[in-house]
Amino acid sequence: MNFADKLINAIIAKRSYLCVGLDPQLRYFPPHLLQYSSRVSEPGYKASAVAIYNFNMAIINATINEAACYKPQMAFYEKYGSSGIEAFELTVKYLHSLGELVIEDAKREDGGDTADAYADGHMGEVEVVGKNGEIEMMTSPYNVDSITVTPWICDPNFSSFLRVANDHGKGFFVVDLTSFKPNSFLQNMIDQKSGMPAWQVLAKYVEQIGKPLVGVHGYSSVGVVLGATQGSNDAEIMKEIIPKAIKLIPGFGYQGGGADDAVVCFNEDGFGGIVNNSRVTNYAWHKKFKSEFQCDPKYFANAAAQEAKRAREALNMAVLKKNGFLPF
C-alpha cells in the first residue's frame, strides 16, 4: 500500500482531515513541564530534549482521536543538536507505536548521492557496519512516512525521493504555493514559454512525476504544499492542474487561514487534502494564541484536545458545506 492510500485510510478511519503539527517552542511550554525536565536531566540541550519529548507525548495522547496524521517540523529539533534529534526520533517511534502516520517537515533538497542520502536517510534504508565489519542495510533511524522537499534542483532531487517512495511505500510533498505573507516572488514569476506563473508550471510537473505512484484510491503519493492563506482562485487552479495529488495545507489557524479556505482544493469525492494546524493546537492553553480554550498551564493537554476537536469539526463542516457530503 502506498503512502496516499495509507493517508486516505487514516482520514476515513479518524473521520478527520486534520494533521497536527508538532512544533516545540520552549517559550510556550507550561512552566511545570520545564521545571520537571530541569530536575530529571542535565540543564541545557538534554533537559530541553526531555521537555520536548514529554510535551509531544502529551499533545499526541490528547489529540490522537482527532488527528489523521502528525507533522513534526525538523527545524525545532535540529537546533538542539543530537539531543533534539533524539527527541525527534523518539517522537516518531512513539507515533508509529500507536499506528500513526508521520509527515516530516524538513524541506530537503540536493542532487546525486546527497539526494540519495536525504531520501534513504529519512524514509528508506541506510548502509551500516555489520557484525563482522561488512556493510549491511538497516532501516532509516527516522523512518518517517513522508517528507517535504523543495523544488529548485528538480529531477536530480526528485528522482531519489521517487525511488524511495516506490520501494518503501512512502511519499513526499513538493513545496509549491506557500502560506507566507508576503510569499516568494519566485513562485509567481511568469514562465516565458507557457505564460503561467512558476507555481503552476511546477504543479504540472509534479502531476507528471507522480503518476507512477497513484494508489488504489486514485491519489498519488507525490503531493504539493499549498498554503491555506492563498486565495480561492489559486486553490481552484491548483486542483484543476493536479487533481489527484494530495495537498498538504499549512496556514490554517494562527496564520489566518479558515476552514473554508483550507478545503477549496478538495475534490468532489471529499479527498485531495490534509490540513495542518500546529501552534494553535500545541499552545491552545497560552494567551498568545487566543484560543477559546486558554487555561491554567497544568491543563495544556486538555486545551490541545479541545482545540483539535474544534479544528476537526470545522474542517468536516467546511467539506460538508462544499460538497454536500462527507466520504466517511
C-alpha atoms as a PDB file:
ATOM      1  CA  MET A   1       0.000   0.000   0.000  1.00  0.00           C
ATOM      2  CA  ASN A   2       1.403   3.382  -0.935  1.00  0.00           C
ATOM      3  CA  PHE A   3       1.507   6.470   1.240  1.00  0.00           C
ATOM      4  CA  ALA A   4      -1.525   8.131  -0.378  1.00  0.00           C
ATOM      5  CA  ASP A   5      -3.648   5.055   0.351  1.00  0.00           C
ATOM      6  CA  LYS A   6      -2.442   4.942   3.946  1.00  0.00           C
ATOM      7  CA  LEU A   7      -3.261   8.621   4.421  1.00  0.00           C
ATOM      8  CA  ILE A   8      -6.742   8.354   2.908  1.00  0.00           C
ATOM      9  CA  ASN A   9      -7.430   5.286   5.036  1.00  0.00           C
ATOM     10  CA  ALA A  10      -6.392   7.298   8.102  1.00  0.00           C
ATOM     11  CA  ILE A  11      -8.693  10.170   7.078  1.00  0.00           C
ATOM     12  CA  ILE A  12     -11.587   7.718   6.766  1.00  0.00           C
ATOM     13  CA  ALA A  13     -10.794   5.875   9.991  1.00  0.00           C
ATOM     14  CA  LYS A  14     -10.396   9.058  12.042  1.00  0.00           C
ATOM     15  CA  ARG A  15     -13.182  10.905  10.165  1.00  0.00           C
ATOM     16  CA  SER A  16     -10.740  13.776  10.064  1.00  0.00           C
ATOM     17  CA  TYR A  17      -8.758  15.935   7.651  1.00  0.00           C
ATOM     18  CA  LEU A  18      -6.644  17.341  10.468  1.00  0.00           C
ATOM     19  CA  CYS A  19      -2.868  16.999  10.613  1.00  0.00           C
ATOM     20  CA  VAL A  20      -1.468  18.089  13.970  1.00  0.00           C
ATOM     21  CA  GLY A  21       1.920  19.769  13.692  1.00  0.00           C
ATOM     22  CA  LEU A  22       4.465  19.135  16.419  1.00  0.00           C
ATOM     23  CA  ASP A  23       6.467  22.373  16.537  1.00  0.00           C
ATOM     24  CA  PRO A  24       8.028  22.523  20.019  1.00  0.00           C
ATOM     25  CA  GLN A  25       8.939  26.026  21.210  1.00  0.00           C
ATOM     26  CA  LEU A  26      10.050  26.100  24.835  1.00  0.00           C
ATOM     27  CA  ARG A  27       8.874  29.672  25.420  1.00  0.00           C
ATOM     28  CA  TYR A  28       5.285  28.442  25.071  1.00  0.00           C
ATOM     29  CA  PHE A  29       5.673  25.305  27.198  1.00  0.00           C
ATOM     30  CA  PRO A  30       3.846  25.103  30.525  1.00  0.00           C
ATOM     31  CA  PRO A  31       6.253  26.018  33.355  1.00  0.00           C
ATOM     32  CA  HIS A  32       5.723  22.803  35.300  1.00  0.00           C
ATOM     33  CA  LEU A  33       6.973  20.772  32.352  1.00  0.00           C
ATOM     34  CA  LEU A  34      10.152  22.842  32.093  1.00  0.00           C
ATOM     35  CA  GLN A  35      10.746  22.557  35.826  1.00  0.00           C
ATOM     36  CA  TYR A  36      10.354  18.788  35.743  1.00  0.00           C
ATOM     37  CA  SER A  37      12.785  18.485  32.837  1.00  0.00           C
ATOM     38  CA  SER A  38      15.442  20.506  34.643  1.00  0.00           C
ATOM     39  CA  ARG A  39      15.153  18.187  37.657  1.00  0.00           C
ATOM     40  CA  VAL A  40      15.463  14.893  35.790  1.00  0.00           C
ATOM     41  CA  SER A  41      18.105  15.804  33.192  1.00  0.00           C
ATOM     42  CA  GLU A  42      21.208  17.917  32.717  1.00  0.00           C
ATOM     43  CA  PRO A  43      20.200  21.565  32.151  1.00  0.00           C
ATOM     44  CA  GLY A  44      20.724  22.777  28.603  1.00  0.00           C
ATOM     45  CA  TYR A  45      20.182  20.745  25.463  1.00  0.00           C
ATOM     46  CA  LYS A  46      19.416  17.478  27.236  1.00  0.00           C
ATOM     47  CA  ALA A  47      16.779  18.937  29.539  1.00  0.00           C
ATOM     48  CA  SER A  48      15.277  20.747  26.552  1.00  0.00           C
ATOM     49  CA  ALA A  49      15.019  17.464  24.645  1.00  0.00           C
ATOM     50  CA  VAL A  50      13.338  15.800  27.620  1.00  0.00           C
ATOM     51  CA  ALA A  51      10.814  18.640  27.770  1.00  0.00           C
ATOM     52  CA  ILE A  52      10.164  18.383  24.031  1.00  0.00           C
ATOM     53  CA  TYR A  53       9.550  14.650  24.085  1.00  0.00           C
ATOM     54  CA  ASN A  54       7.272  14.796  27.114  1.00  0.00           C
ATOM     55  CA  PHE A  55       5.374  17.723  25.601  1.00  0.00           C
ATOM     56  CA  ASN A  56       4.964  15.852  22.315  1.00  0.00           C
ATOM     57  CA  MET A  57       3.691  12.713  24.029  1.00  0.00           C
ATOM     58  CA  ALA A  58       1.113  14.769  25.918  1.00  0.00           C
ATOM     59  CA  ILE A  59      -0.084  16.515  22.731  1.00  0.00           C
ATOM     60  CA  ILE A  60      -0.226  13.233  20.806  1.00  0.00           C
ATOM     61  CA  ASN A  61      -2.173  11.445  23.535  1.00  0.00           C
ATOM     62  CA  ALA A  62      -4.582  14.360  23.772  1.00  0.00           C
ATOM     63  CA  THR A  63      -5.255  14.689  20.043  1.00  0.00           C
ATOM     64  CA  ILE A  64      -4.978  11.128  18.767  1.00  0.00           C
ATOM     65  CA  ASN A  65      -8.734  10.752  18.297  1.00  0.00           C
ATOM     66  CA  GLU A  66      -8.905  13.928  16.214  1.00  0.00           C
ATOM     67  CA  ALA A  67      -5.784  13.805  14.023  1.00  0.00           C
ATOM     68  CA  ALA A  68      -5.413  11.793  10.830  1.00  0.00           C
ATOM     69  CA  CYS A  69      -1.629  12.243  10.974  1.00  0.00           C
ATOM     70  CA  TYR A  70       1.146  14.304  12.567  1.00  0.00           C
ATOM     71  CA  LYS A  71       3.766  16.671  11.151  1.00  0.00           C
ATOM     72  CA  PRO A  72       6.864  17.395  13.247  1.00  0.00           C
ATOM     73  CA  GLN A  73       8.905  20.314  11.881  1.00  0.00           C
ATOM     74  CA  MET A  74      12.537  19.197  11.954  1.00  0.00           C
ATOM     75  CA  ALA A  75      13.926  22.719  12.465  1.00  0.00           C
ATOM     76  CA  PHE A  76      12.588  22.815  16.025  1.00  0.00           C
ATOM     77  CA  TYR A  77      14.524  19.636  16.852  1.00  0.00           C
ATOM     78  CA  GLU A  78      17.737  20.198  14.892  1.00  0.00           C
ATOM     79  CA  LYS A  79      18.528  23.400  16.726  1.00  0.00           C
ATOM     80  CA  TYR A  80      19.187  21.356  19.878  1.00  0.00           C
ATOM     81  CA  GLY A  81      21.780  19.176  18.151  1.00  0.00           C
ATOM     82  CA  SER A  82      21.958  15.465  18.885  1.00  0.00           C
ATOM     83  CA  SER A  83      19.662  15.831  21.902  1.00  0.00           C
ATOM     84  CA  GLY A  84      16.957  17.409  19.755  1.00  0.00           C
ATOM     85  CA  ILE A  85      17.383  14.791  17.021  1.00  0.00           C
ATOM     86  CA  GLU A  86      16.941  12.080  19.632  1.00  0.00           C
ATOM     87  CA  ALA A  87      13.705  13.728  20.771  1.00  0.00           C
ATOM     88  CA  PHE A  88      12.563  13.728  17.134  1.00  0.00           C
ATOM     89  CA  GLU A  89      13.409  10.051  16.680  1.00  0.00           C
ATOM     90  CA  LEU A  90      11.641   9.102  19.906  1.00  0.00           C
ATOM     91  CA  THR A  91       8.590  11.111  18.874  1.00  0.00           C
ATOM     92  CA  VAL A  92       8.399   9.317  15.507  1.00  0.00           C
ATOM     93  CA  LYS A  93       8.811   5.924  17.183  1.00  0.00           C
ATOM     94  CA  TYR A  94       6.069   6.768  19.657  1.00  0.00           C
ATOM     95  CA  LEU A  95       3.712   7.813  16.847  1.00  0.00           C
ATOM     96  CA  HIS A  96       4.446   4.634  14.905  1.00  0.00           C
ATOM     97  CA  SER A  97       3.856   2.528  18.009  1.00  0.00           C
ATOM     98  CA  LEU A  98       0.347   3.992  18.019  1.00  0.00           C
ATOM     99  CA  GLY A  99      -0.134   3.319  14.310  1.00  0.00           C
ATOM    100  CA  GLU A 100       0.003   6.999  13.343  1.00  0.00           C
ATOM    101  CA  LEU A 101       1.412   8.413  10.102  1.00  0.00           C
ATOM    102  CA  VAL A 102       4.266  10.926  10.258  1.00  0.00           C
ATOM    103  CA  ILE A 103       4.935  13.694   7.737  1.00  0.00           C
ATOM    104  CA  GLU A 104       8.374  15.129   8.417  1.00  0.00           C
ATOM    105  CA  ASP A 105       8.526  18.812   7.526  1.00  0.00           C
ATOM    106  CA  ALA A 106      12.207  19.055   6.615  1.00  0.00           C
ATOM    107  CA  LYS A 107      12.218  20.664   3.121  1.00  0.00           C
ATOM    108  CA  ARG A 108      15.233  18.671   1.955  1.00  0.00           C
ATOM    109  CA  GLU A 109      16.836  19.217  -1.439  1.00  0.00           C
ATOM    110  CA  ASP A 110      20.033  18.313  -3.271  1.00  0.00           C
ATOM    111  CA  GLY A 111      21.185  16.083  -6.114  1.00  0.00           C
ATOM    112  CA  GLY A 112      23.043  12.858  -6.816  1.00  0.00           C
ATOM    113  CA  ASP A 113      24.489  10.983  -3.857  1.00  0.00           C
ATOM    114  CA  THR A 114      23.411  13.717  -1.452  1.00  0.00           C
ATOM    115  CA  ALA A 115      19.784  13.480  -2.556  1.00  0.00           C
ATOM    116  CA  ASP A 116      20.031   9.700  -2.131  1.00  0.00           C
ATOM    117  CA  ALA A 117      21.368  10.243   1.386  1.00  0.00           C
ATOM    118  CA  TYR A 118      18.443  12.521   2.245  1.00  0.00           C
ATOM    119  CA  ALA A 119      15.812  10.176   0.806  1.00  0.00           C
ATOM    120  CA  ASP A 120      17.323   6.967   2.188  1.00  0.00           C
ATOM    121  CA  GLY A 121      18.272   8.544   5.484  1.00  0.00           C
ATOM    122  CA  HIS A 122      14.815   9.872   6.235  1.00  0.00           C
ATOM    123  CA  MET A 123      12.493   7.305   4.654  1.00  0.00           C
ATOM    124  CA  GLY A 124      14.385   4.279   3.343  1.00  0.00           C
ATOM    125  CA  GLU A 125      17.368   2.134   4.250  1.00  0.00           C
ATOM    126  CA  VAL A 126      20.946   3.143   5.002  1.00  0.00           C
ATOM    127  CA  GLU A 127      24.298   1.376   4.905  1.00  0.00           C
ATOM    128  CA  VAL A 128      25.676   0.411   8.307  1.00  0.00           C
ATOM    129  CA  VAL A 129      28.700  -1.504   9.571  1.00  0.00           C
ATOM    130  CA  GLY A 130      27.606  -5.027  10.414  1.00  0.00           C
ATOM    131  CA  LYS A 131      28.874  -7.530  12.998  1.00  0.00           C
ATOM    132  CA  ASN A 132      31.903  -8.661  11.005  1.00  0.00           C
ATOM    133  CA  GLY A 133      32.743  -5.286   9.563  1.00  0.00           C
ATOM    134  CA  GLU A 134      30.688  -5.925   6.465  1.00  0.00           C
ATOM    135  CA  ILE A 135      28.299  -3.305   5.123  1.00  0.00           C
ATOM    136  CA  GLU A 136      24.655  -4.156   5.748  1.00  0.00           C
ATOM    137  CA  MET A 137      21.374  -2.357   5.135  1.00  0.00           C
ATOM    138  CA  MET A 138      19.279  -1.058   8.006  1.00  0.00           C
ATOM    139  CA  THR A 139      16.011   0.853   8.198  1.00  0.00           C
ATOM    140  CA  SER A 140      16.432   4.636   8.425  1.00  0.00           C
ATOM    141  CA  PRO A 141      16.713   5.894  12.022  1.00  0.00           C
ATOM    142  CA  TYR A 142      13.926   8.392  11.257  1.00  0.00           C
ATOM    143  CA  ASN A 143      11.759   6.141   9.063  1.00  0.00           C
ATOM    144  CA  VAL A 144       9.072   8.780   8.518  1.00  0.00           C
ATOM    145  CA  ASP A 145       6.141   8.081   6.203  1.00  0.00           C
ATOM    146  CA  SER A 146       6.508  11.234   4.124  1.00  0.00           C
ATOM    147  CA  ILE A 147       8.666  14.339   3.897  1.00  0.00           C
ATOM    148  CA  THR A 148       8.539  17.834   2.416  1.00  0.00           C
ATOM    149  CA  VAL A 149      11.036  18.740  -0.306  1.00  0.00           C
ATOM    150  CA  THR A 150      11.853  21.943  -2.153  1.00  0.00           C
ATOM    151  CA  PRO A 151      11.853  22.078  -5.974  1.00  0.00           C
ATOM    152  CA  TRP A 152      14.725  24.224  -7.222  1.00  0.00           C
ATOM    153  CA  ILE A 153      17.078  21.341  -8.159  1.00  0.00           C
ATOM    154  CA  CYS A 154      14.151  19.358  -9.587  1.00  0.00           C
ATOM    155  CA  ASP A 155      14.929  15.956 -11.193  1.00  0.00           C
ATOM    156  CA  PRO A 156      18.280  15.248  -9.506  1.00  0.00           C
ATOM    157  CA  ASN A 157      16.446  15.659  -6.192  1.00  0.00           C
ATOM    158  CA  PHE A 158      13.014  14.265  -7.033  1.00  0.00           C
ATOM    159  CA  SER A 159      14.384  11.045  -8.537  1.00  0.00           C
ATOM    160  CA  SER A 160      15.863   9.931  -5.214  1.00  0.00           C
ATOM    161  CA  PHE A 161      12.632  10.527  -3.327  1.00  0.00           C
ATOM    162  CA  LEU A 162      10.576   8.876  -6.076  1.00  0.00           C
ATOM    163  CA  ARG A 163      12.754   5.773  -5.804  1.00  0.00           C
ATOM    164  CA  VAL A 164      12.380   5.530  -2.038  1.00  0.00           C
ATOM    165  CA  ALA A 165       8.646   6.288  -2.171  1.00  0.00           C
ATOM    166  CA  ASN A 166       8.167   3.498  -4.694  1.00  0.00           C
ATOM    167  CA  ASP A 167      10.378   0.959  -2.911  1.00  0.00           C
ATOM    168  CA  HIS A 168       9.176   1.590   0.650  1.00  0.00           C
ATOM    169  CA  GLY A 169       5.571   2.792   0.362  1.00  0.00           C
ATOM    170  CA  LYS A 170       6.484   6.338   1.353  1.00  0.00           C
ATOM    171  CA  GLY A 171       5.546   9.770  -0.037  1.00  0.00           C
ATOM    172  CA  PHE A 172       6.690  13.355  -0.336  1.00  0.00           C
ATOM    173  CA  PHE A 173       5.214  16.830  -0.721  1.00  0.00           C
ATOM    174  CA  VAL A 174       6.810  19.398  -3.011  1.00  0.00           C
ATOM    175  CA  VAL A 175       6.705  22.962  -1.654  1.00  0.00           C
ATOM    176  CA  ASP A 176       4.790  24.926  -4.284  1.00  0.00           C
ATOM    177  CA  LEU A 177       2.429  27.716  -3.204  1.00  0.00           C
ATOM    178  CA  THR A 178       3.246  28.776   0.343  1.00  0.00           C
ATOM    179  CA  SER A 179       1.190  30.324   3.128  1.00  0.00           C
ATOM    180  CA  PHE A 180       3.716  33.039   3.981  1.00  0.00           C
ATOM    181  CA  LYS A 181       2.885  36.725   3.604  1.00  0.00           C
ATOM    182  CA  PRO A 182       4.456  38.098   1.548  1.00  0.00           C
ATOM    183  CA  ASN A 183       5.053  34.886  -0.337  1.00  0.00           C
ATOM    184  CA  SER A 184       8.069  34.226  -2.525  1.00  0.00           C
ATOM    185  CA  PHE A 185       8.179  36.324  -5.679  1.00  0.00           C
ATOM    186  CA  LEU A 186       9.847  33.331  -7.347  1.00  0.00           C
ATOM    187  CA  GLN A 187       6.680  31.244  -7.209  1.00  0.00           C
ATOM    188  CA  ASN A 188       4.814  33.993  -9.087  1.00  0.00           C
ATOM    189  CA  MET A 189       7.427  34.624 -11.800  1.00  0.00           C
ATOM    190  CA  ILE A 190       5.962  34.156 -15.286  1.00  0.00           C
ATOM    191  CA  ASP A 191       7.313  31.385 -17.465  1.00  0.00           C
ATOM    192  CA  GLN A 192       8.045  32.858 -20.912  1.00  0.00           C
ATOM    193  CA  LYS A 193       7.152  29.670 -22.749  1.00  0.00           C
ATOM    194  CA  SER A 194       3.760  28.919 -21.183  1.00  0.00           C
ATOM    195  CA  GLY A 195       2.798  32.321 -19.805  1.00  0.00           C
ATOM    196  CA  MET A 196       1.987  30.647 -16.463  1.00  0.00           C
ATOM    197  CA  PRO A 197       3.386  31.575 -13.060  1.00  0.00           C
ATOM    198  CA  ALA A 198       6.143  29.314 -11.818  1.00  0.00           C
ATOM    199  CA  TRP A 199       3.972  27.606  -9.224  1.00  0.00           C
ATOM    200  CA  GLN A 200       1.581  26.401 -11.913  1.00  0.00           C
ATOM    201  CA  VAL A 201       4.442  25.101 -14.064  1.00  0.00           C
ATOM    202  CA  LEU A 202       5.756  23.244 -11.037  1.00  0.00           C
ATOM    203  CA  ALA A 203       2.324  21.775 -10.240  1.00  0.00           C
ATOM    204  CA  LYS A 204       2.076  20.414 -13.799  1.00  0.00           C
ATOM    205  CA  TYR A 205       5.483  18.834 -13.435  1.00  0.00           C
ATOM    206  CA  VAL A 206       4.664  17.265 -10.068  1.00  0.00           C
ATOM    207  CA  GLU A 207       1.485  15.846 -11.585  1.00  0.00           C
ATOM    208  CA  GLN A 208       3.578  14.091 -14.243  1.00  0.00           C
ATOM    209  CA  ILE A 209       6.210  12.607 -11.957  1.00  0.00           C
ATOM    210  CA  GLY A 210       3.547  11.439  -9.502  1.00  0.00           C
ATOM    211  CA  LYS A 211       1.574   9.304 -11.965  1.00  0.00           C
ATOM    212  CA  PRO A 212       3.538   6.070 -11.335  1.00  0.00           C
ATOM    213  CA  LEU A 213       2.731   6.360  -7.619  1.00  0.00           C
ATOM    214  CA  VAL A 214      -1.065   6.529  -7.864  1.00  0.00           C
ATOM    215  CA  GLY A 215      -2.662   4.095  -5.410  1.00  0.00           C
ATOM    216  CA  VAL A 216      -5.920   2.185  -5.207  1.00  0.00           C
ATOM    217  CA  HIS A 217      -7.804   5.267  -4.016  1.00  0.00           C
ATOM    218  CA  GLY A 218      -6.700   7.080  -7.171  1.00  0.00           C
ATOM    219  CA  TYR A 219      -4.306   9.522  -5.491  1.00  0.00           C
ATOM    220  CA  SER A 220      -0.557   9.875  -5.879  1.00  0.00           C
ATOM    221  CA  SER A 221       1.981   9.634  -3.074  1.00  0.00           C
ATOM    222  CA  VAL A 222       3.638  12.736  -4.547  1.00  0.00           C
ATOM    223  CA  GLY A 223       1.764  15.820  -3.362  1.00  0.00           C
ATOM    224  CA  VAL A 224       2.256  19.558  -3.059  1.00  0.00           C
ATOM    225  CA  VAL A 225       2.302  22.085  -0.251  1.00  0.00           C
ATOM    226  CA  LEU A 226      -0.477  24.634  -0.753  1.00  0.00           C
ATOM    227  CA  GLY A 227      -0.980  27.365   1.826  1.00  0.00           C
ATOM    228  CA  ALA A 228      -4.476  27.811   3.244  1.00  0.00           C
ATOM    229  CA  THR A 229      -3.986  31.589   3.106  1.00  0.00           C
ATOM    230  CA  GLN A 230      -3.866  31.581  -0.699  1.00  0.00           C
ATOM    231  CA  GLY A 231      -6.926  32.941  -2.486  1.00  0.00           C
ATOM    232  CA  SER A 232      -9.679  30.562  -3.527  1.00  0.00           C
ATOM    233  CA  ASN A 233      -8.904  31.187  -7.186  1.00  0.00           C
ATOM    234  CA  ASP A 234      -5.339  29.898  -6.824  1.00  0.00           C
ATOM    235  CA  ALA A 235      -6.551  26.873  -4.868  1.00  0.00           C
ATOM    236  CA  GLU A 236      -9.105  26.080  -7.582  1.00  0.00           C
ATOM    237  CA  ILE A 237      -6.404  26.339 -10.238  1.00  0.00           C
ATOM    238  CA  MET A 238      -4.158  24.027  -8.242  1.00  0.00           C
ATOM    239  CA  LYS A 239      -6.967  21.475  -8.029  1.00  0.00           C
ATOM    240  CA  GLU A 240      -7.505  21.643 -11.788  1.00  0.00           C
ATOM    241  CA  ILE A 241      -3.806  21.254 -12.588  1.00  0.00           C
ATOM    242  CA  ILE A 242      -3.074  18.426 -10.174  1.00  0.00           C
ATOM    243  CA  PRO A 243      -6.368  16.881  -9.039  1.00  0.00           C
ATOM    244  CA  LYS A 244      -5.018  13.505  -7.936  1.00  0.00           C
ATOM    245  CA  ALA A 245      -2.240  14.785  -5.727  1.00  0.00           C
ATOM    246  CA  ILE A 246      -2.850  15.300  -2.030  1.00  0.00           C
ATOM    247  CA  LYS A 247      -2.288  18.882  -0.931  1.00  0.00           C
ATOM    248  CA  LEU A 248      -0.574  19.436   2.397  1.00  0.00           C
ATOM    249  CA  ILE A 249      -2.243  22.628   3.575  1.00  0.00           C
ATOM    250  CA  PRO A 250      -0.491  24.763   6.213  1.00  0.00           C
ATOM    251  CA  GLY A 251      -1.622  28.218   7.284  1.00  0.00           C
ATOM    252  CA  PHE A 252      -4.878  27.044   8.878  1.00  0.00           C
ATOM    253  CA  GLY A 253      -5.392  28.703  12.240  1.00  0.00           C
ATOM    254  CA  TYR A 254      -2.761  31.086  13.557  1.00  0.00           C
ATOM    255  CA  GLN A 255      -1.560  32.165  10.108  1.00  0.00           C
ATOM    256  CA  GLY A 256      -5.045  33.292   9.201  1.00  0.00           C
ATOM    257  CA  GLY A 257      -6.480  30.544   7.016  1.00  0.00           C
ATOM    258  CA  GLY A 258     -10.037  29.483   7.790  1.00  0.00           C
ATOM    259  CA  ALA A 259     -11.689  26.079   7.311  1.00  0.00           C
ATOM    260  CA  ASP A 260     -13.496  27.175   4.141  1.00  0.00           C
ATOM    261  CA  ASP A 261     -10.204  28.450   2.692  1.00  0.00           C
ATOM    262  CA  ALA A 262      -8.426  25.216   3.552  1.00  0.00           C
ATOM    263  CA  VAL A 263     -10.796  22.890   1.699  1.00  0.00           C
ATOM    264  CA  VAL A 264     -11.201  24.800  -1.580  1.00  0.00           C
ATOM    265  CA  CYS A 265      -8.772  22.442  -3.316  1.00  0.00           C
ATOM    266  CA  PHE A 266     -10.606  19.292  -2.176  1.00  0.00           C
ATOM    267  CA  ASN A 267     -12.190  17.195  -4.906  1.00  0.00           C
ATOM    268  CA  GLU A 268     -15.806  16.195  -5.336  1.00  0.00           C
ATOM    269  CA  ASP A 269     -15.069  12.825  -3.715  1.00  0.00           C
ATOM    270  CA  GLY A 270     -14.179  14.631  -0.493  1.00  0.00           C
ATOM    271  CA  PHE A 271     -10.451  13.910  -0.697  1.00  0.00           C
ATOM    272  CA  GLY A 272      -7.389  15.694  -2.028  1.00  0.00           C
ATOM    273  CA  GLY A 273      -6.035  17.480   1.022  1.00  0.00           C
ATOM    274  CA  ILE A 274      -4.764  17.207   4.586  1.00  0.00           C
ATOM    275  CA  VAL A 275      -4.864  20.377   6.689  1.00  0.00           C
ATOM    276  CA  ASN A 276      -2.161  21.182   9.220  1.00  0.00           C
ATOM    277  CA  ASN A 277      -2.685  23.016  12.488  1.00  0.00           C
ATOM    278  CA  SER A 278       0.393  23.433  14.675  1.00  0.00           C
ATOM    279  CA  ARG A 279       0.725  26.347  17.057  1.00  0.00           C
ATOM    280  CA  VAL A 280      -2.908  26.933  17.966  1.00  0.00           C
ATOM    281  CA  THR A 281      -3.325  23.258  18.846  1.00  0.00           C
ATOM    282  CA  ASN A 282       0.044  22.862  20.588  1.00  0.00           C
ATOM    283  CA  TYR A 283      -0.378  26.023  22.654  1.00  0.00           C
ATOM    284  CA  ALA A 284      -4.135  26.405  22.969  1.00  0.00           C
ATOM    285  CA  TRP A 285      -3.652  26.999  26.686  1.00  0.00           C
ATOM    286  CA  HIS A 286      -1.413  30.058  26.067  1.00  0.00           C
ATOM    287  CA  LYS A 287      -2.849  33.566  25.865  1.00  0.00           C
ATOM    288  CA  LYS A 288      -0.684  34.486  22.865  1.00  0.00           C
ATOM    289  CA  PHE A 289      -2.635  32.213  20.544  1.00  0.00           C
ATOM    290  CA  LYS A 290      -6.065  33.456  21.624  1.00  0.00           C
ATOM    291  CA  SER A 291      -7.737  30.073  21.609  1.00  0.00           C
ATOM    292  CA  GLU A 292     -11.117  29.838  23.256  1.00  0.00           C
ATOM    293  CA  PHE A 293      -9.601  27.067  25.362  1.00  0.00           C
ATOM    294  CA  GLN A 294      -6.992  29.166  27.226  1.00  0.00           C
ATOM    295  CA  CYS A 295      -6.484  27.723  30.676  1.00  0.00           C
ATOM    296  CA  ASP A 296      -4.152  27.058  33.567  1.00  0.00           C
ATOM    297  CA  PRO A 297      -0.892  25.649  32.115  1.00  0.00           C
ATOM    298  CA  LYS A 298      -1.340  22.436  34.091  1.00  0.00           C
ATOM    299  CA  TYR A 299      -4.193  21.570  31.735  1.00  0.00           C
ATOM    300  CA  PHE A 300      -2.372  22.335  28.473  1.00  0.00           C
ATOM    301  CA  ALA A 301      -3.045  18.871  27.019  1.00  0.00           C
ATOM    302  CA  ASN A 302      -6.777  19.169  27.621  1.00  0.00           C
ATOM    303  CA  ALA A 303      -6.773  22.537  25.847  1.00  0.00           C
ATOM    304  CA  ALA A 304      -4.952  20.945  22.891  1.00  0.00           C
ATOM    305  CA  ALA A 305      -7.550  18.166  22.753  1.00  0.00           C
ATOM    306  CA  GLN A 306     -10.404  20.657  22.660  1.00  0.00           C
ATOM    307  CA  GLU A 307      -8.712  22.806  20.021  1.00  0.00           C
ATOM    308  CA  ALA A 308      -8.014  19.763  17.837  1.00  0.00           C
ATOM    309  CA  LYS A 309     -11.633  18.682  18.158  1.00  0.00           C
ATOM    310  CA  ARG A 310     -12.802  22.166  17.175  1.00  0.00           C
ATOM    311  CA  ALA A 311     -10.469  22.210  14.156  1.00  0.00           C
ATOM    312  CA  ARG A 312     -11.532  18.731  13.038  1.00  0.00           C
ATOM    313  CA  GLU A 313     -15.215  19.600  13.251  1.00  0.00           C
ATOM    314  CA  ALA A 314     -14.693  22.919  11.451  1.00  0.00           C
ATOM    315  CA  LEU A 315     -12.925  21.184   8.564  1.00  0.00           C
ATOM    316  CA  ASN A 316     -15.590  18.492   8.342  1.00  0.00           C
ATOM    317  CA  MET A 317     -18.323  21.119   8.252  1.00  0.00           C
ATOM    318  CA  ALA A 318     -16.446  23.028   5.539  1.00  0.00           C
ATOM    319  CA  VAL A 319     -16.218  19.917   3.338  1.00  0.00           C
ATOM    320  CA  LEU A 320     -19.874  19.104   4.033  1.00  0.00           C
ATOM    321  CA  LYS A 321     -20.836  22.649   3.063  1.00  0.00           C
ATOM    322  CA  LYS A 322     -18.700  22.497  -0.095  1.00  0.00           C
ATOM    323  CA  ASN A 323     -19.628  19.022  -1.355  1.00  0.00           C
ATOM    324  CA  GLY A 324     -22.895  18.190   0.410  1.00  0.00           C
ATOM    325  CA  PHE A 325     -21.487  15.016   1.979  1.00  0.00           C
ATOM    326  CA  LEU A 326     -18.524  13.552   3.825  1.00  0.00           C
ATOM    327  CA  PRO A 327     -16.749  10.494   2.408  1.00  0.00           C
ATOM    328  CA  PHE A 328     -16.748   8.610   5.719  1.00  0.00           C
END
